[in-house]
Amino acid sequence: MNPYLLLLITFALWAVLHSLTAMRVLKEALRRWLGERAYAGFYRLLYNLLAVVSIVPLLWVLATQVSPTEMWRWSRPGLYLALAIQLLALVGLGISLLQTDVWRFIGLSQVIRYLQGAPDPDPPASFVSRGTYALVRHPLYLFSLLLIWFTPVVTLDRFLFNLLATVYFWLGSLHEERRLRAEFGDTYRQYQQSVPYLIPFVKRRGG
């Protein structure tokens, strides 16, 4: 099979599965099947585990079907700048995850609360607008994009992956904007007015 077509197929399968498991209709079905408390305790962890398992074929394709065509290659001194930006992106990702409670993000906090007998293993999240979230509204996407686009050597297959990931992150951010407006109301609308969407220091209303 054409390696670029294989990349498209594996990315599409992962994206569709990842999106389906986040859909409200599926979550409501799981809530009815598992019961409210078990759903609150285990959904987030299961969602993340499925995302990790389902991305393995895509990562395998990226690792084994390497295109001989180079789109660009960073050379010194630009290489040092690219590596510095990637390092900054990794640090930014770590800080952003810690600010949103990484254990809750993974789903472990909910499981522990469930096993401890908490009546509500997944209480409402608090709104975070400090740190990297004061820089942009979607720092996880920003730093992920910096990480993939500043790879020192970008082959044609990696370029295609970067484009697909960028579009998927953009669509994901639109979904998150709607969800957060519904969850936090005017608080999030005011946040939208004062904090840039994805590019630091460039304010843009809504999403």
N, C-alpha and C. Protein backbone atom coordinates (compact mmCIF):
# COMPACT_ATOMS: atom_id res chain seq x y z
N MET A 1 0.84 -1.19 0.00
CA MET A 1 0.00 0.00 0.00
C MET A 1 0.88 1.25 0.00
N ASN A 2 0.42 2.26 -0.70
CA ASN A 2 1.13 3.54 -0.71
C ASN A 2 1.31 4.04 0.73
N PRO A 3 2.54 4.37 1.14
CA PRO A 3 2.78 4.77 2.53
C PRO A 3 2.01 6.02 2.95
N TYR A 4 1.79 6.94 2.02
CA TYR A 4 1.05 8.16 2.36
C TYR A 4 -0.43 7.85 2.57
N LEU A 5 -0.96 6.93 1.76
CA LEU A 5 -2.34 6.49 1.94
C LEU A 5 -2.49 5.75 3.26
N LEU A 6 -1.50 4.93 3.58
CA LEU A 6 -1.53 4.20 4.86
C LEU A 6 -1.51 5.18 6.03
N LEU A 7 -0.72 6.23 5.91
CA LEU A 7 -0.68 7.26 6.95
C LEU A 7 -2.03 7.94 7.09
N LEU A 8 -2.64 8.28 5.98
CA LEU A 8 -3.97 8.91 6.00
C LEU A 8 -5.00 8.01 6.66
N ILE A 9 -4.96 6.72 6.32
CA ILE A 9 -5.95 5.77 6.85
C ILE A 9 -5.77 5.60 8.36
N THR A 10 -4.53 5.38 8.80
CA THR A 10 -4.31 5.17 10.24
C THR A 10 -4.61 6.43 11.04
N PHE A 11 -4.30 7.59 10.48
CA PHE A 11 -4.63 8.84 11.18
C PHE A 11 -6.14 9.01 11.26
N ALA A 12 -6.83 8.75 10.14
CA ALA A 12 -8.29 8.91 10.11
C ALA A 12 -8.96 7.96 11.09
N LEU A 13 -8.49 6.71 11.16
CA LEU A 13 -9.07 5.74 12.09
C LEU A 13 -8.88 6.19 13.53
N TRP A 14 -7.67 6.67 13.84
CA TRP A 14 -7.44 7.15 15.20
C TRP A 14 -8.30 8.37 15.51
N ALA A 15 -8.37 9.31 14.58
CA ALA A 15 -9.13 10.54 14.81
C ALA A 15 -10.62 10.25 14.99
N VAL A 16 -11.15 9.36 14.15
CA VAL A 16 -12.57 9.02 14.25
C VAL A 16 -12.87 8.33 15.57
N LEU A 17 -12.03 7.35 15.94
CA LEU A 17 -12.24 6.64 17.20
C LEU A 17 -12.11 7.59 18.39
N HIS A 18 -11.10 8.45 18.35
CA HIS A 18 -10.88 9.41 19.43
C HIS A 18 -12.06 10.37 19.55
N SER A 19 -12.62 10.77 18.42
CA SER A 19 -13.75 11.70 18.43
C SER A 19 -15.03 11.02 18.87
N LEU A 20 -15.24 9.78 18.41
CA LEU A 20 -16.46 9.05 18.78
C LEU A 20 -16.53 8.84 20.28
N THR A 21 -15.41 8.49 20.90
CA THR A 21 -15.42 8.23 22.34
C THR A 21 -15.62 9.50 23.16
N ALA A 22 -15.49 10.66 22.51
CA ALA A 22 -15.73 11.93 23.21
C ALA A 22 -17.12 12.49 22.94
N MET A 23 -17.89 11.81 22.07
CA MET A 23 -19.21 12.31 21.72
C MET A 23 -20.19 12.18 22.88
N ARG A 24 -21.05 13.17 23.01
CA ARG A 24 -22.01 13.19 24.11
C ARG A 24 -22.93 11.97 24.08
N VAL A 25 -23.37 11.56 22.88
CA VAL A 25 -24.32 10.46 22.79
C VAL A 25 -23.69 9.16 23.30
N LEU A 26 -22.40 8.94 22.99
CA LEU A 26 -21.73 7.74 23.48
C LEU A 26 -21.50 7.82 24.98
N LYS A 27 -21.14 9.00 25.46
CA LYS A 27 -20.91 9.15 26.90
C LYS A 27 -22.20 8.94 27.69
N GLU A 28 -23.31 9.41 27.14
CA GLU A 28 -24.59 9.20 27.81
C GLU A 28 -24.97 7.73 27.82
N ALA A 29 -24.67 7.02 26.73
CA ALA A 29 -24.94 5.58 26.67
C ALA A 29 -24.10 4.83 27.70
N LEU A 30 -22.83 5.20 27.82
CA LEU A 30 -21.96 4.58 28.81
C LEU A 30 -22.42 4.90 30.22
N ARG A 31 -22.90 6.12 30.42
CA ARG A 31 -23.39 6.52 31.74
C ARG A 31 -24.58 5.65 32.16
N ARG A 32 -25.48 5.39 31.21
CA ARG A 32 -26.64 4.55 31.52
C ARG A 32 -26.23 3.10 31.76
N TRP A 33 -25.25 2.62 31.00
CA TRP A 33 -24.83 1.23 31.10
C TRP A 33 -24.02 0.97 32.38
N LEU A 34 -23.08 1.86 32.69
CA LEU A 34 -22.22 1.67 33.85
C LEU A 34 -22.84 2.16 35.15
N GLY A 35 -23.74 3.12 35.03
CA GLY A 35 -24.24 3.79 36.22
C GLY A 35 -23.45 5.07 36.44
N GLU A 36 -24.08 6.05 37.06
CA GLU A 36 -23.48 7.37 37.19
C GLU A 36 -22.12 7.34 37.90
N ARG A 37 -22.05 6.62 39.01
CA ARG A 37 -20.83 6.66 39.82
C ARG A 37 -19.67 5.95 39.11
N ALA A 38 -19.92 4.76 38.55
CA ALA A 38 -18.86 4.03 37.85
C ALA A 38 -18.40 4.79 36.61
N TYR A 39 -19.35 5.41 35.93
CA TYR A 39 -18.98 6.21 34.75
C TYR A 39 -18.05 7.35 35.16
N ALA A 40 -18.42 8.06 36.23
CA ALA A 40 -17.59 9.18 36.69
C ALA A 40 -16.21 8.71 37.13
N GLY A 41 -16.15 7.49 37.66
CA GLY A 41 -14.88 6.98 38.16
C GLY A 41 -13.93 6.47 37.08
N PHE A 42 -14.49 5.90 36.01
CA PHE A 42 -13.63 5.18 35.06
C PHE A 42 -13.61 5.74 33.64
N TYR A 43 -14.56 6.59 33.27
CA TYR A 43 -14.62 7.02 31.87
C TYR A 43 -13.34 7.69 31.40
N ARG A 44 -12.82 8.65 32.16
CA ARG A 44 -11.67 9.42 31.69
C ARG A 44 -10.44 8.54 31.48
N LEU A 45 -10.19 7.62 32.41
CA LEU A 45 -9.03 6.74 32.28
C LEU A 45 -9.20 5.81 31.08
N LEU A 46 -10.39 5.24 30.91
CA LEU A 46 -10.64 4.35 29.77
C LEU A 46 -10.51 5.11 28.45
N TYR A 47 -10.99 6.34 28.43
CA TYR A 47 -10.89 7.18 27.24
C TYR A 47 -9.43 7.40 26.86
N ASN A 48 -8.59 7.70 27.84
CA ASN A 48 -7.18 7.95 27.56
C ASN A 48 -6.44 6.67 27.18
N LEU A 49 -6.77 5.56 27.83
CA LEU A 49 -6.14 4.28 27.48
C LEU A 49 -6.47 3.89 26.05
N LEU A 50 -7.73 4.08 25.66
CA LEU A 50 -8.13 3.77 24.29
C LEU A 50 -7.41 4.67 23.29
N ALA A 51 -7.24 5.94 23.66
CA ALA A 51 -6.52 6.87 22.77
C ALA A 51 -5.08 6.43 22.58
N VAL A 52 -4.44 5.98 23.66
CA VAL A 52 -3.04 5.54 23.58
C VAL A 52 -2.92 4.27 22.74
N VAL A 53 -3.79 3.30 23.01
CA VAL A 53 -3.74 2.03 22.27
C VAL A 53 -4.02 2.25 20.79
N SER A 54 -5.01 3.09 20.49
CA SER A 54 -5.42 3.27 19.10
C SER A 54 -4.42 4.09 18.28
N ILE A 55 -3.53 4.83 18.96
CA ILE A 55 -2.55 5.62 18.21
C ILE A 55 -1.30 4.81 17.87
N VAL A 56 -1.17 3.61 18.44
CA VAL A 56 0.01 2.78 18.18
C VAL A 56 0.20 2.48 16.69
N PRO A 57 -0.86 2.06 15.95
CA PRO A 57 -0.66 1.82 14.51
C PRO A 57 -0.17 3.06 13.76
N LEU A 58 -0.68 4.22 14.13
CA LEU A 58 -0.24 5.46 13.48
C LEU A 58 1.24 5.73 13.77
N LEU A 59 1.65 5.55 15.01
CA LEU A 59 3.05 5.76 15.36
C LEU A 59 3.95 4.74 14.67
N TRP A 60 3.45 3.51 14.51
CA TRP A 60 4.22 2.48 13.80
C TRP A 60 4.43 2.88 12.35
N VAL A 61 3.40 3.41 11.71
CA VAL A 61 3.53 3.86 10.33
C VAL A 61 4.54 5.00 10.23
N LEU A 62 4.47 5.95 11.15
CA LEU A 62 5.41 7.07 11.13
C LEU A 62 6.86 6.61 11.34
N ALA A 63 7.03 5.56 12.16
CA ALA A 63 8.37 5.10 12.48
C ALA A 63 8.97 4.21 11.39
N THR A 64 8.12 3.50 10.66
CA THR A 64 8.64 2.50 9.71
C THR A 64 8.50 2.90 8.25
N GLN A 65 7.54 3.74 7.93
CA GLN A 65 7.33 4.14 6.54
C GLN A 65 7.88 5.55 6.31
N VAL A 66 9.18 5.68 6.47
CA VAL A 66 9.81 7.00 6.39
C VAL A 66 10.02 7.40 4.93
N SER A 67 9.52 8.56 4.57
CA SER A 67 9.65 9.04 3.20
C SER A 67 11.09 9.49 2.91
N PRO A 68 11.60 9.19 1.72
CA PRO A 68 12.94 9.67 1.35
C PRO A 68 12.95 11.15 0.97
N THR A 69 11.76 11.72 0.81
CA THR A 69 11.65 13.11 0.39
C THR A 69 11.67 14.04 1.60
N GLU A 70 12.67 14.90 1.66
CA GLU A 70 12.76 15.87 2.76
C GLU A 70 12.12 17.18 2.34
N MET A 71 11.20 17.67 3.18
CA MET A 71 10.60 18.97 2.94
C MET A 71 11.56 20.08 3.39
N TRP A 72 12.16 19.88 4.55
CA TRP A 72 13.22 20.78 5.02
C TRP A 72 14.02 20.12 6.12
N ARG A 73 15.19 20.64 6.32
CA ARG A 73 16.10 20.17 7.37
C ARG A 73 16.76 21.39 8.01
N TRP A 74 16.63 21.47 9.34
CA TRP A 74 17.25 22.59 10.04
C TRP A 74 18.76 22.39 10.09
N SER A 75 19.50 23.42 9.75
CA SER A 75 20.95 23.38 9.84
C SER A 75 21.42 24.44 10.83
N ARG A 76 22.64 24.29 11.32
CA ARG A 76 23.16 25.26 12.28
C ARG A 76 23.28 26.65 11.63
N PRO A 77 22.97 27.72 12.35
CA PRO A 77 22.57 27.78 13.76
C PRO A 77 21.07 27.62 13.98
N GLY A 78 20.28 27.54 12.87
CA GLY A 78 18.83 27.40 13.03
C GLY A 78 18.44 26.14 13.76
N LEU A 79 19.28 25.08 13.64
CA LEU A 79 19.00 23.83 14.33
C LEU A 79 18.91 24.04 15.83
N TYR A 80 19.80 24.86 16.37
CA TYR A 80 19.79 25.12 17.81
C TYR A 80 18.51 25.85 18.22
N LEU A 81 18.04 26.74 17.37
CA LEU A 81 16.79 27.45 17.65
C LEU A 81 15.61 26.47 17.65
N ALA A 82 15.58 25.57 16.66
CA ALA A 82 14.50 24.59 16.58
C ALA A 82 14.48 23.68 17.80
N LEU A 83 15.65 23.21 18.22
CA LEU A 83 15.74 22.35 19.40
C LEU A 83 15.35 23.11 20.66
N ALA A 84 15.72 24.38 20.74
CA ALA A 84 15.36 25.19 21.90
C ALA A 84 13.85 25.38 21.97
N ILE A 85 13.22 25.59 20.82
CA ILE A 85 11.76 25.75 20.79
C ILE A 85 11.08 24.45 21.18
N GLN A 86 11.61 23.31 20.72
CA GLN A 86 11.04 22.02 21.11
C GLN A 86 11.18 21.79 22.61
N LEU A 87 12.32 22.15 23.17
CA LEU A 87 12.52 22.01 24.61
C LEU A 87 11.54 22.89 25.37
N LEU A 88 11.37 24.12 24.91
CA LEU A 88 10.41 25.04 25.51
C LEU A 88 9.00 24.47 25.43
N ALA A 89 8.69 23.85 24.29
CA ALA A 89 7.36 23.26 24.11
C ALA A 89 7.12 22.11 25.08
N LEU A 90 8.14 21.28 25.29
CA LEU A 90 8.01 20.17 26.25
C LEU A 90 7.79 20.69 27.66
N VAL A 91 8.54 21.72 28.03
CA VAL A 91 8.37 22.33 29.35
C VAL A 91 6.97 22.94 29.47
N GLY A 92 6.53 23.62 28.41
CA GLY A 92 5.20 24.22 28.42
C GLY A 92 4.10 23.18 28.54
N LEU A 93 4.26 22.05 27.85
CA LEU A 93 3.28 20.97 27.96
C LEU A 93 3.21 20.45 29.39
N GLY A 94 4.38 20.25 29.99
CA GLY A 94 4.40 19.76 31.37
C GLY A 94 3.75 20.72 32.34
N ILE A 95 4.07 22.00 32.21
CA ILE A 95 3.48 23.01 33.09
C ILE A 95 1.97 23.07 32.90
N SER A 96 1.52 23.03 31.66
CA SER A 96 0.08 23.12 31.36
C SER A 96 -0.67 21.94 31.96
N LEU A 97 -0.09 20.74 31.85
CA LEU A 97 -0.73 19.56 32.43
C LEU A 97 -0.80 19.65 33.95
N LEU A 98 0.28 20.11 34.56
CA LEU A 98 0.29 20.26 36.02
C LEU A 98 -0.74 21.28 36.48
N GLN A 99 -0.91 22.35 35.71
CA GLN A 99 -1.87 23.39 36.09
C GLN A 99 -3.31 22.88 36.03
N THR A 100 -3.58 21.92 35.17
CA THR A 100 -4.94 21.39 35.05
C THR A 100 -5.13 20.12 35.87
N ASP A 101 -4.15 19.78 36.73
CA ASP A 101 -4.17 18.56 37.53
C ASP A 101 -3.97 17.35 36.62
N VAL A 102 -2.71 16.98 36.42
CA VAL A 102 -2.36 15.93 35.47
C VAL A 102 -3.02 14.60 35.82
N TRP A 103 -3.19 14.30 37.12
CA TRP A 103 -3.79 13.02 37.51
C TRP A 103 -5.27 12.99 37.17
N ARG A 104 -5.92 14.13 37.30
CA ARG A 104 -7.32 14.21 36.87
C ARG A 104 -7.41 14.12 35.35
N PHE A 105 -6.47 14.77 34.65
CA PHE A 105 -6.44 14.74 33.19
C PHE A 105 -6.30 13.30 32.69
N ILE A 106 -5.43 12.53 33.33
CA ILE A 106 -5.25 11.13 32.95
C ILE A 106 -6.46 10.29 33.33
N GLY A 107 -7.06 10.58 34.46
CA GLY A 107 -8.21 9.83 34.94
C GLY A 107 -7.93 9.03 36.20
N LEU A 108 -6.70 9.11 36.72
CA LEU A 108 -6.35 8.33 37.91
C LEU A 108 -7.02 8.88 39.16
N SER A 109 -7.16 10.19 39.26
CA SER A 109 -7.80 10.78 40.44
C SER A 109 -9.23 10.27 40.59
N GLN A 110 -9.94 10.17 39.47
CA GLN A 110 -11.32 9.71 39.50
C GLN A 110 -11.40 8.25 39.95
N VAL A 111 -10.48 7.42 39.45
CA VAL A 111 -10.48 6.00 39.83
C VAL A 111 -10.20 5.86 41.32
N ILE A 112 -9.23 6.61 41.83
CA ILE A 112 -8.89 6.54 43.25
C ILE A 112 -10.07 6.99 44.10
N ARG A 113 -10.72 8.07 43.71
CA ARG A 113 -11.89 8.54 44.46
C ARG A 113 -13.01 7.50 44.42
N TYR A 114 -13.17 6.83 43.29
CA TYR A 114 -14.19 5.79 43.18
C TYR A 114 -13.87 4.64 44.14
N LEU A 115 -12.62 4.17 44.15
CA LEU A 115 -12.22 3.06 45.00
C LEU A 115 -12.29 3.43 46.48
N GLN A 116 -12.13 4.73 46.78
CA GLN A 116 -12.23 5.19 48.17
C GLN A 116 -13.67 5.37 48.62
N GLY A 117 -14.61 5.18 47.69
CA GLY A 117 -16.02 5.26 48.03
C GLY A 117 -16.63 6.64 47.93
N ALA A 118 -15.96 7.57 47.27
CA ALA A 118 -16.51 8.92 47.12
C ALA A 118 -17.82 8.87 46.34
N PRO A 119 -18.85 9.57 46.81
CA PRO A 119 -20.14 9.55 46.10
C PRO A 119 -20.05 10.13 44.70
N ASP A 120 -19.16 11.11 44.50
CA ASP A 120 -18.96 11.70 43.17
C ASP A 120 -17.47 11.65 42.85
N PRO A 121 -17.02 10.60 42.14
CA PRO A 121 -15.59 10.46 41.85
C PRO A 121 -15.03 11.54 40.92
N ASP A 122 -15.90 12.24 40.21
CA ASP A 122 -15.44 13.25 39.26
C ASP A 122 -16.18 14.56 39.48
N PRO A 123 -15.85 15.27 40.58
CA PRO A 123 -16.53 16.54 40.87
C PRO A 123 -16.21 17.57 39.80
N PRO A 124 -17.02 18.63 39.70
CA PRO A 124 -16.78 19.66 38.69
C PRO A 124 -15.38 20.23 38.77
N ALA A 125 -14.78 20.43 37.60
CA ALA A 125 -13.42 20.98 37.55
C ALA A 125 -13.46 22.47 37.82
N SER A 126 -12.39 22.97 38.40
CA SER A 126 -12.27 24.42 38.61
C SER A 126 -11.73 25.06 37.34
N PHE A 127 -12.12 26.30 37.11
CA PHE A 127 -11.68 27.00 35.91
C PHE A 127 -10.25 27.49 36.09
N VAL A 128 -9.39 27.18 35.14
CA VAL A 128 -7.97 27.54 35.21
C VAL A 128 -7.68 28.64 34.19
N SER A 129 -7.15 29.76 34.67
CA SER A 129 -6.81 30.86 33.76
C SER A 129 -5.45 31.47 34.09
N ARG A 130 -4.66 30.77 34.88
CA ARG A 130 -3.34 31.28 35.29
C ARG A 130 -2.25 30.61 34.46
N GLY A 131 -1.03 31.07 34.67
CA GLY A 131 0.13 30.43 34.05
C GLY A 131 0.05 30.41 32.53
N THR A 132 0.25 29.25 31.94
CA THR A 132 0.20 29.14 30.48
C THR A 132 -1.19 29.42 29.94
N TYR A 133 -2.21 29.24 30.78
CA TYR A 133 -3.59 29.52 30.35
C TYR A 133 -3.90 31.01 30.37
N ALA A 134 -2.98 31.80 30.89
CA ALA A 134 -3.08 33.26 30.76
C ALA A 134 -2.38 33.74 29.49
N LEU A 135 -1.58 32.85 28.91
CA LEU A 135 -0.87 33.16 27.67
C LEU A 135 -1.76 32.93 26.45
N VAL A 136 -2.38 31.75 26.40
CA VAL A 136 -3.34 31.40 25.35
C VAL A 136 -4.40 30.50 25.96
N ARG A 137 -5.53 30.38 25.27
CA ARG A 137 -6.62 29.57 25.80
C ARG A 137 -6.38 28.07 25.61
N HIS A 138 -5.51 27.72 24.68
CA HIS A 138 -5.27 26.29 24.39
C HIS A 138 -3.76 26.01 24.37
N PRO A 139 -3.11 26.12 25.53
CA PRO A 139 -1.66 25.92 25.56
C PRO A 139 -1.22 24.51 25.18
N LEU A 140 -2.02 23.49 25.49
CA LEU A 140 -1.64 22.13 25.12
C LEU A 140 -1.52 21.99 23.61
N TYR A 141 -2.45 22.60 22.89
CA TYR A 141 -2.38 22.56 21.43
C TYR A 141 -1.21 23.41 20.91
N LEU A 142 -1.03 24.59 21.49
CA LEU A 142 0.06 25.46 21.06
C LEU A 142 1.41 24.76 21.19
N PHE A 143 1.68 24.19 22.35
CA PHE A 143 2.99 23.57 22.57
C PHE A 143 3.14 22.28 21.77
N SER A 144 2.04 21.56 21.55
CA SER A 144 2.11 20.37 20.70
C SER A 144 2.45 20.74 19.27
N LEU A 145 1.87 21.82 18.78
CA LEU A 145 2.16 22.28 17.41
C LEU A 145 3.61 22.73 17.28
N LEU A 146 4.11 23.44 18.27
CA LEU A 146 5.51 23.85 18.23
C LEU A 146 6.43 22.63 18.21
N LEU A 147 6.05 21.62 18.98
CA LEU A 147 6.87 20.41 19.07
C LEU A 147 6.96 19.69 17.74
N ILE A 148 5.83 19.54 17.04
CA ILE A 148 5.86 18.77 15.79
C ILE A 148 6.41 19.58 14.62
N TRP A 149 6.13 20.88 14.58
CA TRP A 149 6.57 21.68 13.43
C TRP A 149 8.04 22.06 13.49
N PHE A 150 8.64 22.03 14.67
CA PHE A 150 10.06 22.37 14.78
C PHE A 150 10.94 21.13 14.88
N THR A 151 10.43 19.99 14.41
CA THR A 151 11.26 18.80 14.28
C THR A 151 12.43 19.12 13.34
N PRO A 152 13.66 18.77 13.72
CA PRO A 152 14.82 19.16 12.91
C PRO A 152 14.78 18.70 11.45
N VAL A 153 14.26 17.49 11.20
CA VAL A 153 14.15 16.99 9.83
C VAL A 153 12.68 16.64 9.56
N VAL A 154 12.08 17.30 8.58
CA VAL A 154 10.68 17.06 8.24
C VAL A 154 10.62 16.43 6.85
N THR A 155 10.29 15.14 6.82
CA THR A 155 10.11 14.43 5.56
C THR A 155 8.67 14.61 5.09
N LEU A 156 8.38 14.14 3.90
CA LEU A 156 7.05 14.35 3.33
C LEU A 156 5.96 13.69 4.17
N ASP A 157 6.23 12.49 4.68
CA ASP A 157 5.24 11.81 5.51
C ASP A 157 5.02 12.56 6.82
N ARG A 158 6.10 13.08 7.41
CA ARG A 158 5.96 13.85 8.65
C ARG A 158 5.24 15.16 8.38
N PHE A 159 5.49 15.76 7.24
CA PHE A 159 4.80 17.00 6.86
C PHE A 159 3.30 16.75 6.74
N LEU A 160 2.93 15.62 6.12
CA LEU A 160 1.52 15.26 6.00
C LEU A 160 0.90 15.04 7.37
N PHE A 161 1.62 14.33 8.23
CA PHE A 161 1.13 14.11 9.59
C PHE A 161 0.94 15.43 10.32
N ASN A 162 1.91 16.33 10.20
CA ASN A 162 1.81 17.63 10.88
C ASN A 162 0.58 18.41 10.42
N LEU A 163 0.31 18.37 9.11
CA LEU A 163 -0.87 19.05 8.59
C LEU A 163 -2.15 18.45 9.16
N LEU A 164 -2.23 17.11 9.15
CA LEU A 164 -3.41 16.43 9.68
C LEU A 164 -3.59 16.74 11.17
N ALA A 165 -2.50 16.70 11.93
CA ALA A 165 -2.57 16.98 13.36
C ALA A 165 -3.00 18.42 13.62
N THR A 166 -2.50 19.35 12.81
CA THR A 166 -2.87 20.76 12.98
C THR A 166 -4.36 20.96 12.77
N VAL A 167 -4.91 20.36 11.72
CA VAL A 167 -6.35 20.46 11.46
C VAL A 167 -7.14 19.82 12.59
N TYR A 168 -6.67 18.66 13.06
CA TYR A 168 -7.39 17.96 14.13
C TYR A 168 -7.35 18.77 15.43
N PHE A 169 -6.21 19.35 15.74
CA PHE A 169 -6.12 20.20 16.94
C PHE A 169 -7.05 21.39 16.83
N TRP A 170 -7.12 21.98 15.65
CA TRP A 170 -8.01 23.13 15.45
C TRP A 170 -9.47 22.72 15.68
N LEU A 171 -9.88 21.61 15.09
CA LEU A 171 -11.25 21.13 15.29
C LEU A 171 -11.49 20.80 16.76
N GLY A 172 -10.50 20.19 17.40
CA GLY A 172 -10.64 19.87 18.82
C GLY A 172 -10.78 21.11 19.68
N SER A 173 -10.06 22.17 19.32
CA SER A 173 -10.16 23.41 20.09
C SER A 173 -11.53 24.05 19.95
N LEU A 174 -12.14 23.94 18.78
CA LEU A 174 -13.49 24.48 18.59
C LEU A 174 -14.49 23.73 19.47
N HIS A 175 -14.33 22.41 19.53
CA HIS A 175 -15.21 21.60 20.39
C HIS A 175 -15.00 21.99 21.86
N GLU A 176 -13.76 22.17 22.26
CA GLU A 176 -13.48 22.54 23.65
C GLU A 176 -14.06 23.92 23.98
N GLU A 177 -13.97 24.84 23.04
CA GLU A 177 -14.53 26.18 23.28
C GLU A 177 -16.03 26.09 23.57
N ARG A 178 -16.75 25.30 22.77
CA ARG A 178 -18.20 25.14 23.00
C ARG A 178 -18.47 24.49 24.34
N ARG A 179 -17.70 23.45 24.66
CA ARG A 179 -17.90 22.75 25.93
C ARG A 179 -17.62 23.66 27.12
N LEU A 180 -16.56 24.43 27.05
CA LEU A 180 -16.19 25.30 28.17
C LEU A 180 -17.16 26.46 28.32
N ARG A 181 -17.69 26.97 27.20
CA ARG A 181 -18.72 28.02 27.30
C ARG A 181 -19.96 27.48 27.98
N ALA A 182 -20.32 26.23 27.64
CA ALA A 182 -21.50 25.62 28.25
C ALA A 182 -21.27 25.33 29.73
N GLU A 183 -20.03 24.98 30.09
CA GLU A 183 -19.73 24.60 31.47
C GLU A 183 -19.53 25.81 32.38
N PHE A 184 -18.85 26.84 31.88
CA PHE A 184 -18.47 27.97 32.74
C PHE A 184 -19.19 29.28 32.40
N GLY A 185 -19.95 29.30 31.31
CA GLY A 185 -20.79 30.44 30.98
C GLY A 185 -20.03 31.74 30.79
N ASP A 186 -20.49 32.79 31.48
CA ASP A 186 -19.92 34.13 31.32
C ASP A 186 -18.45 34.20 31.73
N THR A 187 -18.07 33.35 32.68
CA THR A 187 -16.67 33.34 33.10
C THR A 187 -15.77 33.00 31.92
N TYR A 188 -16.18 32.00 31.14
CA TYR A 188 -15.35 31.63 29.99
C TYR A 188 -15.47 32.66 28.87
N ARG A 189 -16.63 33.25 28.70
CA ARG A 189 -16.78 34.28 27.66
C ARG A 189 -15.87 35.48 27.95
N GLN A 190 -15.78 35.87 29.21
CA GLN A 190 -14.88 36.96 29.58
C GLN A 190 -13.42 36.56 29.35
N TYR A 191 -13.13 35.31 29.63
CA TYR A 191 -11.78 34.77 29.40
C TYR A 191 -11.45 34.83 27.91
N GLN A 192 -12.43 34.50 27.06
CA GLN A 192 -12.22 34.57 25.62
C GLN A 192 -11.89 35.99 25.17
N GLN A 193 -12.51 36.96 25.82
CA GLN A 193 -12.30 38.35 25.44
C GLN A 193 -10.90 38.85 25.82
N SER A 194 -10.31 38.28 26.84
CA SER A 194 -9.06 38.82 27.37
C SER A 194 -7.82 37.99 27.05
N VAL A 195 -8.01 36.73 26.65
CA VAL A 195 -6.86 35.85 26.39
C VAL A 195 -6.87 35.37 24.95
N PRO A 196 -5.74 35.42 24.25
CA PRO A 196 -5.68 34.97 22.85
C PRO A 196 -6.08 33.50 22.71
N TYR A 197 -6.55 33.18 21.53
CA TYR A 197 -7.01 31.83 21.22
C TYR A 197 -5.85 30.83 21.20
N LEU A 198 -4.90 31.01 20.31
CA LEU A 198 -3.80 30.05 20.17
C LEU A 198 -2.44 30.72 19.99
N ILE A 199 -2.43 31.94 19.48
CA ILE A 199 -1.18 32.65 19.23
C ILE A 199 -0.99 33.70 20.32
N PRO A 200 0.07 33.61 21.11
CA PRO A 200 0.27 34.58 22.20
C PRO A 200 0.27 36.02 21.71
N PHE A 201 -0.35 36.88 22.50
CA PHE A 201 -0.39 38.33 22.27
C PHE A 201 -1.26 38.74 21.07
N VAL A 202 -1.94 37.77 20.46
CA VAL A 202 -2.86 38.09 19.36
C VAL A 202 -4.26 37.74 19.83
N LYS A 203 -5.01 38.75 20.25
CA LYS A 203 -6.34 38.53 20.79
C LYS A 203 -7.34 38.33 19.68
N ARG A 204 -8.24 37.36 19.94
CA ARG A 204 -9.28 37.10 18.97
C ARG A 204 -10.52 36.65 19.72
N ARG A 205 -11.62 37.24 19.40
CA ARG A 205 -12.85 36.93 20.11
C ARG A 205 -13.36 35.56 19.71
N GLY A 206 -13.85 34.83 20.76
CA GLY A 206 -14.53 33.56 20.51
C GLY A 206 -13.63 32.53 19.91
N GLY A 207 -14.27 31.46 19.34
CA GLY A 207 -13.49 30.41 18.73
C GLY A 207 -14.24 29.70 17.72
